Protein backbone atom coordinates (compact mmCIF):
# COMPACT_ATOMS: atom_id res chain seq x y z
CA UNK A 1 -0.01 0.01 -0.01
CA UNK A 2 1.54 3.32 -1.00
CA UNK A 3 1.08 6.48 1.02
CA UNK A 4 -0.32 9.57 -0.61
CA UNK A 5 2.15 12.19 -1.78
CA UNK A 6 2.35 15.18 0.47
CA UNK A 7 3.08 15.86 4.13
CA UNK A 8 3.83 13.03 6.54
CA UNK A 9 1.75 14.80 9.18
CA UNK A 10 -0.56 17.83 9.00
CA UNK A 11 -1.48 19.60 12.27
CA UNK A 12 -4.70 21.56 12.61
CA UNK A 13 -6.34 23.27 15.56
CA UNK A 14 -7.21 26.64 17.09
CA UNK A 15 -4.79 29.33 18.18
CA UNK A 16 -2.82 28.09 21.18
CA UNK A 17 -3.15 24.40 20.42
CA UNK A 18 0.58 24.06 19.81
CA UNK A 19 0.65 23.35 16.09
CA UNK A 20 3.96 25.10 15.44
CA UNK A 21 5.66 24.00 18.65
CA UNK A 22 4.54 20.38 18.40
CA UNK A 23 5.19 20.40 14.67
CA UNK A 24 8.84 21.31 15.20
CA UNK A 25 9.21 18.53 17.83
CA UNK A 26 7.58 16.00 15.49
CA UNK A 27 9.75 17.06 12.55
CA UNK A 28 12.89 16.72 14.60
CA UNK A 29 11.84 13.27 15.88
CA UNK A 30 10.96 12.02 12.40
CA UNK A 31 14.00 13.56 10.77
CA UNK A 32 11.76 15.58 8.47
CA UNK A 33 11.47 19.28 7.56
CA UNK A 34 8.87 21.46 9.32
CA UNK A 35 6.66 23.96 7.49
CA UNK A 36 4.07 26.41 8.81
CA UNK A 37 1.64 27.92 6.31
CA UNK A 38 1.33 31.12 8.41
CA UNK A 39 5.10 31.66 8.02
CA UNK A 40 4.74 30.98 4.26
CA UNK A 41 1.99 33.64 4.02
CA UNK A 42 4.07 36.22 5.92
CA UNK A 43 7.07 35.52 3.65
CA UNK A 44 4.97 35.82 0.50
CA UNK A 45 3.16 38.97 1.64
CA UNK A 46 6.28 40.52 3.11
CA UNK A 47 4.44 41.46 6.30
CA UNK A 48 2.96 39.91 9.46
CA UNK A 49 -0.53 38.39 9.31
CA UNK A 50 -2.11 41.09 11.54
CA UNK A 51 -0.99 43.68 8.99
CA UNK A 52 -2.47 41.71 6.14
CA UNK A 53 -5.81 41.72 7.99
CA UNK A 54 -5.62 45.45 8.55
CA UNK A 55 -4.26 46.45 5.13
CA UNK A 56 -6.07 44.04 2.80
CA UNK A 57 -8.76 42.42 4.95
CA UNK A 58 -9.65 38.88 5.93
CA UNK A 59 -10.87 37.73 2.45
CA UNK A 60 -7.47 38.59 0.95
CA UNK A 61 -5.72 36.77 3.78
CA UNK A 62 -7.88 33.68 3.30
CA UNK A 63 -6.99 33.65 -0.42
CA UNK A 64 -3.27 33.76 0.47
CA UNK A 65 -3.91 31.01 3.00
CA UNK A 66 -5.62 28.74 0.41
CA UNK A 67 -2.68 29.29 -1.97
CA UNK A 68 -0.16 28.55 0.82
CA UNK A 69 -1.97 25.32 1.78
CA UNK A 70 -2.24 24.23 -1.83
CA UNK A 71 1.50 24.73 -2.35
CA UNK A 72 2.46 23.08 0.94
CA UNK A 73 0.27 20.00 0.53
CA UNK A 74 1.62 19.48 -2.98
CA UNK A 75 5.29 20.15 -2.38
CA UNK A 76 6.12 19.36 1.26
CA UNK A 77 6.83 15.86 2.56
CA UNK A 78 7.55 16.71 6.18
CA UNK A 79 5.42 18.01 9.06
CA UNK A 80 3.00 20.79 8.17
CA UNK A 81 1.18 23.16 10.53
CA UNK A 82 -1.84 25.04 9.20
CA UNK A 83 -3.24 28.32 10.50
CA UNK A 84 -6.23 27.96 12.80
CA UNK A 85 -8.77 29.10 10.18
CA UNK A 86 -7.38 27.19 7.18
CA UNK A 87 -10.05 24.50 7.54
CA UNK A 88 -12.81 27.01 6.89
CA UNK A 89 -12.02 26.68 3.17
CA UNK A 90 -13.83 23.88 1.37
CA UNK A 91 -10.91 23.65 -1.07
CA UNK A 92 -8.46 23.20 1.80
CA UNK A 93 -10.61 20.49 3.42
CA UNK A 94 -10.66 18.62 0.10
CA UNK A 95 -6.84 18.88 -0.17
CA UNK A 96 -6.51 17.46 3.38
CA UNK A 97 -8.86 14.51 2.79
CA UNK A 98 -6.19 11.97 1.72
CA UNK A 99 -3.57 13.18 4.20
CA UNK A 100 -2.71 12.16 7.80
CA UNK A 101 -4.26 15.10 9.68
CA UNK A 102 -4.15 15.50 13.46
CA UNK A 103 -6.51 17.89 15.24
CA UNK A 104 -4.75 19.24 18.33
CA UNK A 105 -7.58 19.89 20.74
CA UNK A 106 -7.03 22.51 23.43
CA UNK A 107 -9.14 23.99 26.18
CA UNK A 108 -9.54 27.77 26.37
CA UNK A 109 -7.56 27.92 29.64
CA UNK A 110 -4.57 26.16 28.10
CA UNK A 111 -4.80 28.30 24.93
CA UNK A 112 -4.74 31.46 27.06
CA UNK A 113 -1.67 30.24 28.97
CA UNK A 114 0.16 29.39 25.76
CA UNK A 115 -0.53 32.44 23.58
CA UNK A 116 -2.03 34.96 25.97
CA UNK A 117 -5.04 36.60 24.51
CA UNK A 118 -3.28 39.89 24.07
CA UNK A 119 -1.05 38.42 21.40
CA UNK A 120 -1.36 39.94 17.92
CA UNK A 121 -4.05 37.60 16.61
CA UNK A 122 -6.40 39.56 14.39
CA UNK A 123 -9.51 37.43 14.94
CA UNK A 124 -9.08 37.62 18.72
CA UNK A 125 -8.57 41.38 18.93
CA UNK A 126 -11.96 42.24 20.50
CA UNK A 127 -13.19 40.26 23.54
CA UNK A 128 -10.68 37.48 22.94
CA UNK A 129 -12.15 34.81 25.26
CA UNK A 130 -15.64 35.07 23.80
CA UNK A 131 -14.28 35.29 20.28
CA UNK A 132 -12.04 32.20 20.80
CA UNK A 133 -15.10 30.24 21.99
CA UNK A 134 -17.12 31.38 18.96
CA UNK A 135 -14.33 30.40 16.60
CA UNK A 136 -14.01 26.98 18.24
CA UNK A 137 -17.76 26.36 18.05
CA UNK A 138 -17.72 27.15 14.33
CA UNK A 139 -14.43 25.39 13.51
CA UNK A 140 -14.49 22.30 15.72
CA UNK A 141 -16.76 20.31 13.33
CA UNK A 142 -14.39 21.26 10.46
CA UNK A 143 -11.31 20.16 12.44
CA UNK A 144 -13.06 16.87 13.17
CA UNK A 145 -14.09 16.48 9.51
CA UNK A 146 -10.50 16.62 8.26
CA UNK A 147 -8.89 14.77 11.18
CA UNK A 148 -7.43 11.32 10.86
CA UNK A 149 -6.82 11.50 14.62
CA UNK A 150 -7.60 13.84 17.51
CA UNK A 151 -5.00 14.49 20.21
CA UNK A 152 -5.95 16.31 23.42
CA UNK A 153 -3.15 18.68 24.46
CA UNK A 154 -4.53 19.49 27.93
CA UNK A 155 -1.88 19.33 30.62
CA UNK A 156 0.70 17.88 28.19
CA UNK A 157 4.10 19.16 27.19
CA UNK A 158 4.87 19.56 23.49
CA UNK A 159 6.99 16.40 23.72
CA UNK A 160 4.06 14.44 25.20
CA UNK A 161 1.73 15.76 22.51
CA UNK A 162 4.25 14.73 19.87
CA UNK A 163 4.35 11.23 21.41
CA UNK A 164 0.54 11.07 21.26
CA UNK A 165 0.57 12.20 17.58
CA UNK A 166 3.14 9.54 16.65
CA UNK A 167 1.07 6.93 18.49
CA UNK A 168 -2.23 8.07 16.95
CA UNK A 169 -0.84 7.88 13.42
CA UNK A 170 1.19 4.78 14.18
CA UNK A 171 4.39 6.50 13.09
CA UNK A 172 7.70 5.38 14.43
CA UNK A 173 10.06 7.78 16.15
CA UNK A 174 13.43 6.77 14.57
CA UNK A 175 15.24 7.87 17.75
CA UNK A 176 13.55 5.24 19.96
């Protein structure tokens, strides 16, 4: 049985779930490159994501995000972290369908501890706790739709979450 071309692991989840941090740990453990579509977008746009939201608006950002996900799912064979809202695109969900996707589930309290809700996150700028809950209510079914596996991050270190991802996808850590 051959595996689909594309990333070895794709991480999805809300802000503060640890996608970038856990992604780097996983990539190191698997001896694979790490890629974050938010970093790709910032590099392409030449500015931070909050500035894209302010200068060009969310629809423009989402278009850049779809393009970044399309490029990354086609040309990256390592560990890939997607921005929290990437799954809102039907096109992105279709691209993720054949791939090993892990939804990193996080409780609001843990997300707050990890990112602080005063961090420059454009969709959390006004009433961040309530907005985070709204986003999760809207996005959780989409995260679950694309997920091959769900890993709860509550009370776990990035290394423990990485262990759980490897176990959930039945991937072998070559360093063990």
